[in-house]
Amino acid sequence: MRKALILLILHFLLINLYSQQELKIGKISFEGNSFITDEDLYKIIQSRDASNFDQGKLNDDAKIITELY
């Protein structure tokens, strides 16, 4: 029981620690596209290389790309 409580507290602390950090996007790349060039895809999405990760923008980017195909 005590071990489970310690693990739960540790888990809670780690989640809070990582949720407060800003995640960065490394490099955006596209694979398997033959209909639209990488350059054109990059122009229409909101996310950018080395920018802060934003789940909302990623969802919007996925929707835009899906609608194009």
C-alpha atoms as a PDB file:
ATOM      1  CA  MET A   1       0.000   0.000   0.000  1.00  0.00           C
ATOM      2  CA  ARG A   2       2.763   2.422   0.932  1.00  0.00           C
ATOM      3  CA  LYS A   3       4.674   1.620  -2.269  1.00  0.00           C
ATOM      4  CA  ALA A   4       1.543   2.288  -4.340  1.00  0.00           C
ATOM      5  CA  LEU A   5       1.016   5.622  -2.585  1.00  0.00           C
ATOM      6  CA  ILE A   6       4.626   6.665  -3.211  1.00  0.00           C
ATOM      7  CA  LEU A   7       4.312   5.709  -6.888  1.00  0.00           C
ATOM      8  CA  LEU A   8       1.053   7.632  -7.169  1.00  0.00           C
ATOM      9  CA  ILE A   9       2.631  10.756  -5.650  1.00  0.00           C
ATOM     10  CA  LEU A  10       5.673  10.412  -7.914  1.00  0.00           C
ATOM     11  CA  HIS A  11       3.405  10.002 -10.945  1.00  0.00           C
ATOM     12  CA  PHE A  12       1.428  13.101  -9.938  1.00  0.00           C
ATOM     13  CA  LEU A  13       4.615  15.148  -9.519  1.00  0.00           C
ATOM     14  CA  LEU A  14       6.012  14.030 -12.877  1.00  0.00           C
ATOM     15  CA  ILE A  15       2.782  14.857 -14.691  1.00  0.00           C
ATOM     16  CA  ASN A  16       2.708  18.317 -13.147  1.00  0.00           C
ATOM     17  CA  LEU A  17       6.377  18.891 -13.929  1.00  0.00           C
ATOM     18  CA  TYR A  18       6.087  17.877 -17.587  1.00  0.00           C
ATOM     19  CA  SER A  19       2.742  19.564 -18.158  1.00  0.00           C
ATOM     20  CA  GLN A  20       4.275  22.908 -17.189  1.00  0.00           C
ATOM     21  CA  GLN A  21       7.156  22.594 -19.638  1.00  0.00           C
ATOM     22  CA  GLU A  22       6.753  23.900 -23.154  1.00  0.00           C
ATOM     23  CA  LEU A  23       7.329  21.244 -25.758  1.00  0.00           C
ATOM     24  CA  LYS A  24       9.198  22.279 -28.900  1.00  0.00           C
ATOM     25  CA  ILE A  25       8.645  20.979 -32.407  1.00  0.00           C
ATOM     26  CA  GLY A  26      11.891  19.724 -33.882  1.00  0.00           C
ATOM     27  CA  LYS A  27      11.555  19.459 -37.643  1.00  0.00           C
ATOM     28  CA  ILE A  28       8.392  19.054 -39.678  1.00  0.00           C
ATOM     29  CA  SER A  29       8.603  16.645 -42.589  1.00  0.00           C
ATOM     30  CA  PHE A  30       6.095  15.066 -44.921  1.00  0.00           C
ATOM     31  CA  GLU A  31       6.199  11.512 -46.238  1.00  0.00           C
ATOM     32  CA  GLY A  32       4.203   9.736 -48.889  1.00  0.00           C
ATOM     33  CA  ASN A  33       2.783  12.829 -50.511  1.00  0.00           C
ATOM     34  CA  SER A  34       2.726  12.845 -54.296  1.00  0.00           C
ATOM     35  CA  PHE A  35      -0.195  15.172 -54.918  1.00  0.00           C
ATOM     36  CA  ILE A  36       1.129  18.308 -53.188  1.00  0.00           C
ATOM     37  CA  THR A  37       4.767  19.353 -52.751  1.00  0.00           C
ATOM     38  CA  ASP A  38       6.374  19.551 -49.313  1.00  0.00           C
ATOM     39  CA  GLU A  39       6.825  23.290 -49.778  1.00  0.00           C
ATOM     40  CA  ASP A  40       3.138  23.835 -50.507  1.00  0.00           C
ATOM     41  CA  LEU A  41       2.099  21.700 -47.531  1.00  0.00           C
ATOM     42  CA  TYR A  42       4.431  23.639 -45.262  1.00  0.00           C
ATOM     43  CA  LYS A  43       2.888  26.918 -46.459  1.00  0.00           C
ATOM     44  CA  ILE A  44      -0.665  25.877 -45.554  1.00  0.00           C
ATOM     45  CA  ILE A  45      -0.048  24.521 -42.050  1.00  0.00           C
ATOM     46  CA  GLN A  46       0.209  26.634 -38.914  1.00  0.00           C
ATOM     47  CA  SER A  47       2.880  24.637 -37.091  1.00  0.00           C
ATOM     48  CA  ARG A  48       6.517  25.600 -37.712  1.00  0.00           C
ATOM     49  CA  ASP A  49       9.929  24.055 -37.108  1.00  0.00           C
ATOM     50  CA  ALA A  50      11.384  24.933 -33.688  1.00  0.00           C
ATOM     51  CA  SER A  51       8.106  26.477 -32.475  1.00  0.00           C
ATOM     52  CA  ASN A  52       6.216  25.602 -29.306  1.00  0.00           C
ATOM     53  CA  PHE A  53       4.010  22.533 -29.649  1.00  0.00           C
ATOM     54  CA  ASP A  54       0.320  23.386 -29.787  1.00  0.00           C
ATOM     55  CA  GLN A  55      -2.161  20.493 -29.931  1.00  0.00           C
ATOM     56  CA  GLY A  56      -4.862  22.752 -31.375  1.00  0.00           C
ATOM     57  CA  LYS A  57      -2.636  23.837 -34.250  1.00  0.00           C
ATOM     58  CA  LEU A  58      -1.615  20.236 -34.898  1.00  0.00           C
ATOM     59  CA  ASN A  59      -5.268  19.190 -35.073  1.00  0.00           C
ATOM     60  CA  ASP A  60      -6.024  22.059 -37.462  1.00  0.00           C
ATOM     61  CA  ASP A  61      -3.005  21.151 -39.619  1.00  0.00           C
ATOM     62  CA  ALA A  62      -4.137  17.530 -39.852  1.00  0.00           C
ATOM     63  CA  LYS A  63      -7.652  18.626 -40.832  1.00  0.00           C
ATOM     64  CA  ILE A  64      -6.356  20.993 -43.529  1.00  0.00           C
ATOM     65  CA  ILE A  65      -4.103  18.345 -45.042  1.00  0.00           C
ATOM     66  CA  THR A  66      -6.855  15.717 -44.904  1.00  0.00           C
ATOM     67  CA  GLU A  67      -9.279  18.042 -46.686  1.00  0.00           C
ATOM     68  CA  LEU A  68      -6.753  18.659 -49.474  1.00  0.00           C
ATOM     69  CA  TYR A  69      -6.474  14.973 -50.221  1.00  0.00           C
END
